[in-house]
Amino acid sequence: MNIDYEELRMYKDRIRIFFIIYIFSEPCNDQNYDDCCRVLHTEVKIQKLDFLIRNPDYLCFELLELCNRNDIDKKEIKDIIKNIFYSHEPQIRRLEMERFFFGAYEDIDHVISFLVSVGFVRFITLRNSVLKLTEKSYYVTNLADEKIRLLMDDAPHLKWYMERCLLIKKYFGEYSGTQLKNLQYKIGRYRDTTYREYIQNIEDLVRQKYCEEFGEIL
């Protein structure tokens, strides 16, 4: 069976972005959206979380940075990183992102339009008195919540996205989009990428940092 790359990519984009909105959104009690159960109020956070999902090596680097904190279980971090690298995720799961004005970015309007069209998401934009965009909000519908709970039992291929989002939420869920962006900008290879060029992988940096932290080769 021939699989069209663009169709496969589009399918992955829709799944990934929906799970980001679903997992990282907050309960919604807005009477104006009584058909919705959750809401996420910023696109910046979606973009920065998307980068971590699409680039497992950068996720591993950020996890290693957390080892400086006293409240972090270093053994758990070590096991997570070993599992990611031994599963060859930095090669298999990597989906390149371009460097834009403020870091990694990819237009998600077409994905949001699809999610709206199937009744999974309601999307609004807020503008100020001079019509400048001030906020984008993504509401998860009750229909989407119901469907995704049923799908998880029948579609095991979705579990990776769910589990990866939950993993990132555990360690970085409280970070704002701007805070996530600032973390990524601390990495020279990310920061120094030229505008509209693909951000390079950092597998070698992760292996070096892992060895320094745990005293063994990854």
C-alpha atoms as a PDB file:
ATOM      1  CA  MET A   1       0.000   0.000   0.000  1.00  0.00           C
ATOM      2  CA  ASN A   2       1.401   3.380  -1.009  1.00  0.00           C
ATOM      3  CA  ILE A   3       1.304   6.016   1.715  1.00  0.00           C
ATOM      4  CA  ASP A   4       1.379   9.634   0.615  1.00  0.00           C
ATOM      5  CA  TYR A   5       3.925  11.497   2.753  1.00  0.00           C
ATOM      6  CA  GLU A   6       1.953  14.749   2.807  1.00  0.00           C
ATOM      7  CA  GLU A   7      -1.217  12.970   3.914  1.00  0.00           C
ATOM      8  CA  LEU A   8       0.684  11.146   6.654  1.00  0.00           C
ATOM      9  CA  ARG A   9       2.308  14.391   7.787  1.00  0.00           C
ATOM     10  CA  MET A  10      -1.069  16.138   7.869  1.00  0.00           C
ATOM     11  CA  TYR A  11      -2.523  13.298   9.932  1.00  0.00           C
ATOM     12  CA  LYS A  12       0.355  13.500  12.445  1.00  0.00           C
ATOM     13  CA  ASP A  13       0.035  17.275  12.684  1.00  0.00           C
ATOM     14  CA  ARG A  14      -3.658  17.058  13.528  1.00  0.00           C
ATOM     15  CA  ILE A  15      -3.121  14.405  16.188  1.00  0.00           C
ATOM     16  CA  ARG A  16      -0.165  16.177  17.771  1.00  0.00           C
ATOM     17  CA  ILE A  17      -1.742  19.626  17.950  1.00  0.00           C
ATOM     18  CA  PHE A  18      -5.032  18.288  19.260  1.00  0.00           C
ATOM     19  CA  PHE A  19      -3.321  16.369  22.061  1.00  0.00           C
ATOM     20  CA  ILE A  20      -1.330  19.463  23.040  1.00  0.00           C
ATOM     21  CA  ILE A  21      -4.531  21.479  23.327  1.00  0.00           C
ATOM     22  CA  TYR A  22      -6.346  18.641  25.097  1.00  0.00           C
ATOM     23  CA  ILE A  23      -3.659  17.806  27.657  1.00  0.00           C
ATOM     24  CA  PHE A  24      -2.371  21.297  28.435  1.00  0.00           C
ATOM     25  CA  SER A  25      -5.716  23.104  28.540  1.00  0.00           C
ATOM     26  CA  GLU A  26      -7.559  23.962  31.746  1.00  0.00           C
ATOM     27  CA  PRO A  27     -11.139  23.130  32.776  1.00  0.00           C
ATOM     28  CA  CYS A  28     -13.585  25.563  31.201  1.00  0.00           C
ATOM     29  CA  ASN A  29     -16.603  26.891  33.093  1.00  0.00           C
ATOM     30  CA  ASP A  30     -17.509  29.689  30.677  1.00  0.00           C
ATOM     31  CA  GLN A  31     -21.279  29.790  30.145  1.00  0.00           C
ATOM     32  CA  ASN A  32     -20.679  31.186  26.664  1.00  0.00           C
ATOM     33  CA  TYR A  33     -19.046  27.864  25.778  1.00  0.00           C
ATOM     34  CA  ASP A  34     -21.283  25.390  27.557  1.00  0.00           C
ATOM     35  CA  ASP A  35     -20.547  22.769  24.887  1.00  0.00           C
ATOM     36  CA  CYS A  36     -16.846  22.867  25.813  1.00  0.00           C
ATOM     37  CA  CYS A  37     -14.968  21.345  28.737  1.00  0.00           C
ATOM     38  CA  ARG A  38     -11.423  22.724  28.436  1.00  0.00           C
ATOM     39  CA  VAL A  39      -9.617  25.819  27.147  1.00  0.00           C
ATOM     40  CA  LEU A  40      -6.049  26.863  26.257  1.00  0.00           C
ATOM     41  CA  HIS A  41      -5.401  30.577  25.843  1.00  0.00           C
ATOM     42  CA  THR A  42      -2.116  30.898  23.971  1.00  0.00           C
ATOM     43  CA  GLU A  43      -0.647  29.795  20.660  1.00  0.00           C
ATOM     44  CA  VAL A  44       2.896  30.499  21.846  1.00  0.00           C
ATOM     45  CA  LYS A  45       2.713  27.612  24.304  1.00  0.00           C
ATOM     46  CA  ILE A  46       1.353  25.299  21.598  1.00  0.00           C
ATOM     47  CA  GLN A  47       4.308  26.156  19.345  1.00  0.00           C
ATOM     48  CA  LYS A  48       6.916  25.584  22.058  1.00  0.00           C
ATOM     49  CA  LEU A  49       5.369  22.319  23.248  1.00  0.00           C
ATOM     50  CA  ASP A  50       5.088  21.167  19.659  1.00  0.00           C
ATOM     51  CA  PHE A  51       8.822  21.720  19.273  1.00  0.00           C
ATOM     52  CA  LEU A  52       9.580  19.475  22.260  1.00  0.00           C
ATOM     53  CA  ILE A  53       7.368  16.698  20.901  1.00  0.00           C
ATOM     54  CA  ARG A  54       8.857  16.929  17.425  1.00  0.00           C
ATOM     55  CA  ASN A  55      12.435  17.052  18.718  1.00  0.00           C
ATOM     56  CA  PRO A  56      13.014  14.379  21.391  1.00  0.00           C
ATOM     57  CA  ASP A  57      16.678  15.340  21.666  1.00  0.00           C
ATOM     58  CA  TYR A  58      15.747  18.854  22.803  1.00  0.00           C
ATOM     59  CA  LEU A  59      13.282  17.387  25.285  1.00  0.00           C
ATOM     60  CA  CYS A  60      16.072  15.225  26.699  1.00  0.00           C
ATOM     61  CA  PHE A  61      18.358  18.245  26.962  1.00  0.00           C
ATOM     62  CA  GLU A  62      15.726  20.179  28.921  1.00  0.00           C
ATOM     63  CA  LEU A  63      15.161  17.178  31.210  1.00  0.00           C
ATOM     64  CA  LEU A  64      18.896  17.026  31.908  1.00  0.00           C
ATOM     65  CA  GLU A  65      18.829  20.717  32.810  1.00  0.00           C
ATOM     66  CA  LEU A  66      16.289  19.878  35.521  1.00  0.00           C
ATOM     67  CA  CYS A  67      18.809  17.617  37.250  1.00  0.00           C
ATOM     68  CA  ASN A  68      20.187  20.718  38.962  1.00  0.00           C
ATOM     69  CA  ARG A  69      17.028  20.911  41.068  1.00  0.00           C
ATOM     70  CA  ASN A  70      16.800  19.160  44.430  1.00  0.00           C
ATOM     71  CA  ASP A  71      13.176  18.105  43.921  1.00  0.00           C
ATOM     72  CA  ILE A  72      13.885  16.085  40.770  1.00  0.00           C
ATOM     73  CA  ASP A  73      14.181  12.295  40.699  1.00  0.00           C
ATOM     74  CA  LYS A  74      17.403  11.918  38.716  1.00  0.00           C
ATOM     75  CA  LYS A  75      16.944   8.182  38.251  1.00  0.00           C
ATOM     76  CA  GLU A  76      13.574   8.804  36.639  1.00  0.00           C
ATOM     77  CA  ILE A  77      15.101  11.410  34.325  1.00  0.00           C
ATOM     78  CA  LYS A  78      17.897   8.999  33.456  1.00  0.00           C
ATOM     79  CA  ASP A  79      15.451   6.197  32.611  1.00  0.00           C
ATOM     80  CA  ILE A  80      13.306   8.498  30.468  1.00  0.00           C
ATOM     81  CA  ILE A  81      16.272   9.677  28.416  1.00  0.00           C
ATOM     82  CA  LYS A  82      17.664   6.165  27.978  1.00  0.00           C
ATOM     83  CA  ASN A  83      14.265   4.967  26.765  1.00  0.00           C
ATOM     84  CA  ILE A  84      13.989   7.842  24.278  1.00  0.00           C
ATOM     85  CA  PHE A  85      17.455   7.251  22.841  1.00  0.00           C
ATOM     86  CA  TYR A  86      17.330   3.443  22.881  1.00  0.00           C
ATOM     87  CA  SER A  87      14.012   3.676  21.013  1.00  0.00           C
ATOM     88  CA  HIS A  88      15.795   5.848  18.393  1.00  0.00           C
ATOM     89  CA  GLU A  89      13.221   8.588  18.821  1.00  0.00           C
ATOM     90  CA  PRO A  90      15.594  11.430  17.863  1.00  0.00           C
ATOM     91  CA  GLN A  91      15.734   9.882  14.391  1.00  0.00           C
ATOM     92  CA  ILE A  92      12.298   8.229  14.063  1.00  0.00           C
ATOM     93  CA  ARG A  93      10.106  10.870  15.710  1.00  0.00           C
ATOM     94  CA  ARG A  94      11.941  14.008  14.627  1.00  0.00           C
ATOM     95  CA  LEU A  95       9.917  16.459  12.541  1.00  0.00           C
ATOM     96  CA  GLU A  96      12.023  19.475  11.662  1.00  0.00           C
ATOM     97  CA  MET A  97      10.860  22.988  12.478  1.00  0.00           C
ATOM     98  CA  GLU A  98      12.094  26.230  10.971  1.00  0.00           C
ATOM     99  CA  ARG A  99      13.548  29.115  12.948  1.00  0.00           C
ATOM    100  CA  PHE A 100      11.205  32.088  12.679  1.00  0.00           C
ATOM    101  CA  PHE A 101      11.336  35.571  14.238  1.00  0.00           C
ATOM    102  CA  PHE A 102      10.889  34.289  17.788  1.00  0.00           C
ATOM    103  CA  GLY A 103      12.202  30.755  17.585  1.00  0.00           C
ATOM    104  CA  ALA A 104      10.744  27.522  16.233  1.00  0.00           C
ATOM    105  CA  TYR A 105       7.416  28.091  14.517  1.00  0.00           C
ATOM    106  CA  GLU A 106       5.034  26.452  12.081  1.00  0.00           C
ATOM    107  CA  ASP A 107       1.667  27.736  10.918  1.00  0.00           C
ATOM    108  CA  ILE A 108      -1.076  25.656  12.561  1.00  0.00           C
ATOM    109  CA  ASP A 109      -4.080  27.484  11.114  1.00  0.00           C
ATOM    110  CA  HIS A 110      -4.893  24.613   8.732  1.00  0.00           C
ATOM    111  CA  VAL A 111      -4.790  22.122  11.619  1.00  0.00           C
ATOM    112  CA  ILE A 112      -7.055  24.289  13.785  1.00  0.00           C
ATOM    113  CA  SER A 113      -9.458  24.740  10.864  1.00  0.00           C
ATOM    114  CA  PHE A 114      -9.743  20.963  10.535  1.00  0.00           C
ATOM    115  CA  LEU A 115     -10.280  20.460  14.275  1.00  0.00           C
ATOM    116  CA  VAL A 116     -12.997  23.123  14.174  1.00  0.00           C
ATOM    117  CA  SER A 117     -14.633  21.526  11.129  1.00  0.00           C
ATOM    118  CA  VAL A 118     -14.992  18.138  12.868  1.00  0.00           C
ATOM    119  CA  GLY A 119     -16.349  19.718  16.036  1.00  0.00           C
ATOM    120  CA  PHE A 120     -13.343  18.991  18.258  1.00  0.00           C
ATOM    121  CA  VAL A 121     -12.247  22.578  18.876  1.00  0.00           C
ATOM    122  CA  ARG A 122     -13.812  26.024  19.029  1.00  0.00           C
ATOM    123  CA  PHE A 123     -11.396  28.834  18.260  1.00  0.00           C
ATOM    124  CA  ILE A 124     -11.625  32.561  18.968  1.00  0.00           C
ATOM    125  CA  THR A 125      -9.273  35.520  18.670  1.00  0.00           C
ATOM    126  CA  LEU A 126      -9.377  38.644  20.812  1.00  0.00           C
ATOM    127  CA  ARG A 127      -8.282  42.045  19.535  1.00  0.00           C
ATOM    128  CA  ASN A 128      -7.790  45.402  21.231  1.00  0.00           C
ATOM    129  CA  SER A 129      -9.276  48.765  20.272  1.00  0.00           C
ATOM    130  CA  VAL A 130      -6.871  49.149  17.330  1.00  0.00           C
ATOM    131  CA  LEU A 131      -7.619  45.594  16.143  1.00  0.00           C
ATOM    132  CA  LYS A 132      -4.247  44.244  17.206  1.00  0.00           C
ATOM    133  CA  LEU A 133      -4.361  40.542  18.041  1.00  0.00           C
ATOM    134  CA  THR A 134      -4.028  40.086  21.795  1.00  0.00           C
ATOM    135  CA  GLU A 135      -5.005  36.459  22.463  1.00  0.00           C
ATOM    136  CA  LYS A 136      -5.992  33.214  20.787  1.00  0.00           C
ATOM    137  CA  SER A 137      -8.158  30.761  22.684  1.00  0.00           C
ATOM    138  CA  TYR A 138      -8.735  27.095  21.889  1.00  0.00           C
ATOM    139  CA  TYR A 139     -11.763  25.395  23.445  1.00  0.00           C
ATOM    140  CA  VAL A 140     -12.009  21.602  23.572  1.00  0.00           C
ATOM    141  CA  THR A 141     -15.588  20.470  22.975  1.00  0.00           C
ATOM    142  CA  ASN A 142     -17.450  17.880  25.004  1.00  0.00           C
ATOM    143  CA  LEU A 143     -17.711  15.875  21.788  1.00  0.00           C
ATOM    144  CA  ALA A 144     -13.919  15.754  21.457  1.00  0.00           C
ATOM    145  CA  ASP A 145     -13.529  14.734  25.090  1.00  0.00           C
ATOM    146  CA  GLU A 146     -16.009  11.903  24.648  1.00  0.00           C
ATOM    147  CA  LYS A 147     -14.496  10.700  21.376  1.00  0.00           C
ATOM    148  CA  ILE A 148     -10.903  10.744  22.553  1.00  0.00           C
ATOM    149  CA  ARG A 149     -11.711   8.687  25.644  1.00  0.00           C
ATOM    150  CA  LEU A 150     -13.323   6.037  23.417  1.00  0.00           C
ATOM    151  CA  LEU A 151     -10.551   6.176  20.815  1.00  0.00           C
ATOM    152  CA  MET A 152      -7.745   5.563  23.289  1.00  0.00           C
ATOM    153  CA  ASP A 153      -8.919   1.980  23.779  1.00  0.00           C
ATOM    154  CA  ASP A 154      -9.302   1.283  20.058  1.00  0.00           C
ATOM    155  CA  ALA A 155      -6.347   3.250  18.640  1.00  0.00           C
ATOM    156  CA  PRO A 156      -3.130   2.259  20.441  1.00  0.00           C
ATOM    157  CA  HIS A 157      -1.045   4.306  17.969  1.00  0.00           C
ATOM    158  CA  LEU A 158      -2.439   7.429  19.654  1.00  0.00           C
ATOM    159  CA  LYS A 159      -1.051   6.464  23.036  1.00  0.00           C
ATOM    160  CA  TRP A 160       2.455   7.683  22.229  1.00  0.00           C
ATOM    161  CA  TYR A 161       1.154  11.221  21.719  1.00  0.00           C
ATOM    162  CA  MET A 162      -0.926  11.082  24.881  1.00  0.00           C
ATOM    163  CA  GLU A 163       1.950   9.683  26.947  1.00  0.00           C
ATOM    164  CA  ARG A 164       4.476  12.159  25.548  1.00  0.00           C
ATOM    165  CA  CYS A 165       2.205  15.103  26.299  1.00  0.00           C
ATOM    166  CA  LEU A 166       1.642  13.818  29.839  1.00  0.00           C
ATOM    167  CA  LEU A 167       5.399  13.402  30.316  1.00  0.00           C
ATOM    168  CA  ILE A 168       6.088  16.955  29.173  1.00  0.00           C
ATOM    169  CA  LYS A 169       3.218  18.250  31.302  1.00  0.00           C
ATOM    170  CA  LYS A 170       4.680  16.555  34.387  1.00  0.00           C
ATOM    171  CA  TYR A 171       7.959  18.448  34.078  1.00  0.00           C
ATOM    172  CA  PHE A 172       7.085  21.586  32.098  1.00  0.00           C
ATOM    173  CA  GLY A 173       3.318  21.957  32.389  1.00  0.00           C
ATOM    174  CA  GLU A 174       3.530  25.025  34.638  1.00  0.00           C
ATOM    175  CA  TYR A 175       5.819  26.885  32.231  1.00  0.00           C
ATOM    176  CA  SER A 176       4.288  29.608  30.089  1.00  0.00           C
ATOM    177  CA  GLY A 177       4.940  29.737  26.361  1.00  0.00           C
ATOM    178  CA  THR A 178       7.427  32.554  26.917  1.00  0.00           C
ATOM    179  CA  GLN A 179       9.263  30.599  29.620  1.00  0.00           C
ATOM    180  CA  LEU A 180       9.534  27.563  27.335  1.00  0.00           C
ATOM    181  CA  LYS A 181      10.829  29.802  24.559  1.00  0.00           C
ATOM    182  CA  ASN A 182      13.462  31.251  26.892  1.00  0.00           C
ATOM    183  CA  LEU A 183      14.637  27.750  27.865  1.00  0.00           C
ATOM    184  CA  GLN A 184      15.066  26.806  24.223  1.00  0.00           C
ATOM    185  CA  TYR A 185      16.917  30.030  23.443  1.00  0.00           C
ATOM    186  CA  LYS A 186      19.579  29.100  25.996  1.00  0.00           C
ATOM    187  CA  ILE A 187      20.730  26.321  23.652  1.00  0.00           C
ATOM    188  CA  GLY A 188      23.257  27.834  21.259  1.00  0.00           C
ATOM    189  CA  ARG A 189      22.452  25.614  18.299  1.00  0.00           C
ATOM    190  CA  TYR A 190      18.788  26.621  18.563  1.00  0.00           C
ATOM    191  CA  ARG A 191      19.492  30.301  19.158  1.00  0.00           C
ATOM    192  CA  ASP A 192      22.036  30.635  16.365  1.00  0.00           C
ATOM    193  CA  THR A 193      19.943  29.026  13.628  1.00  0.00           C
ATOM    194  CA  THR A 194      19.368  31.464  10.771  1.00  0.00           C
ATOM    195  CA  TYR A 195      15.861  32.734  10.024  1.00  0.00           C
ATOM    196  CA  ARG A 196      13.853  30.209   7.955  1.00  0.00           C
ATOM    197  CA  GLU A 197      16.513  27.521   8.363  1.00  0.00           C
ATOM    198  CA  TYR A 198      15.707  24.209  10.027  1.00  0.00           C
ATOM    199  CA  ILE A 199      16.833  24.015  13.636  1.00  0.00           C
ATOM    200  CA  GLN A 200      19.650  21.466  13.936  1.00  0.00           C
ATOM    201  CA  ASN A 201      19.537  18.376  16.116  1.00  0.00           C
ATOM    202  CA  ILE A 202      21.569  18.239  19.343  1.00  0.00           C
ATOM    203  CA  GLU A 203      21.926  14.496  19.901  1.00  0.00           C
ATOM    204  CA  ASP A 204      25.661  14.894  20.434  1.00  0.00           C
ATOM    205  CA  LEU A 205      25.142  17.582  23.081  1.00  0.00           C
ATOM    206  CA  VAL A 206      22.624  15.396  24.902  1.00  0.00           C
ATOM    207  CA  ARG A 207      25.011  12.424  24.912  1.00  0.00           C
ATOM    208  CA  GLN A 208      27.811  14.606  26.269  1.00  0.00           C
ATOM    209  CA  LYS A 209      25.589  16.168  28.946  1.00  0.00           C
ATOM    210  CA  TYR A 210      24.167  12.760  29.909  1.00  0.00           C
ATOM    211  CA  CYS A 211      27.674  11.326  30.340  1.00  0.00           C
ATOM    212  CA  GLU A 212      28.712  14.293  32.492  1.00  0.00           C
ATOM    213  CA  GLU A 213      25.621  13.938  34.682  1.00  0.00           C
ATOM    214  CA  PHE A 214      25.449  10.158  35.068  1.00  0.00           C
ATOM    215  CA  GLY A 215      28.989   9.013  34.339  1.00  0.00           C
ATOM    216  CA  GLU A 216      28.059   6.612  31.556  1.00  0.00           C
ATOM    217  CA  ILE A 217      27.744   6.620  27.790  1.00  0.00           C
ATOM    218  CA  LEU A 218      24.279   6.997  26.331  1.00  0.00           C
END
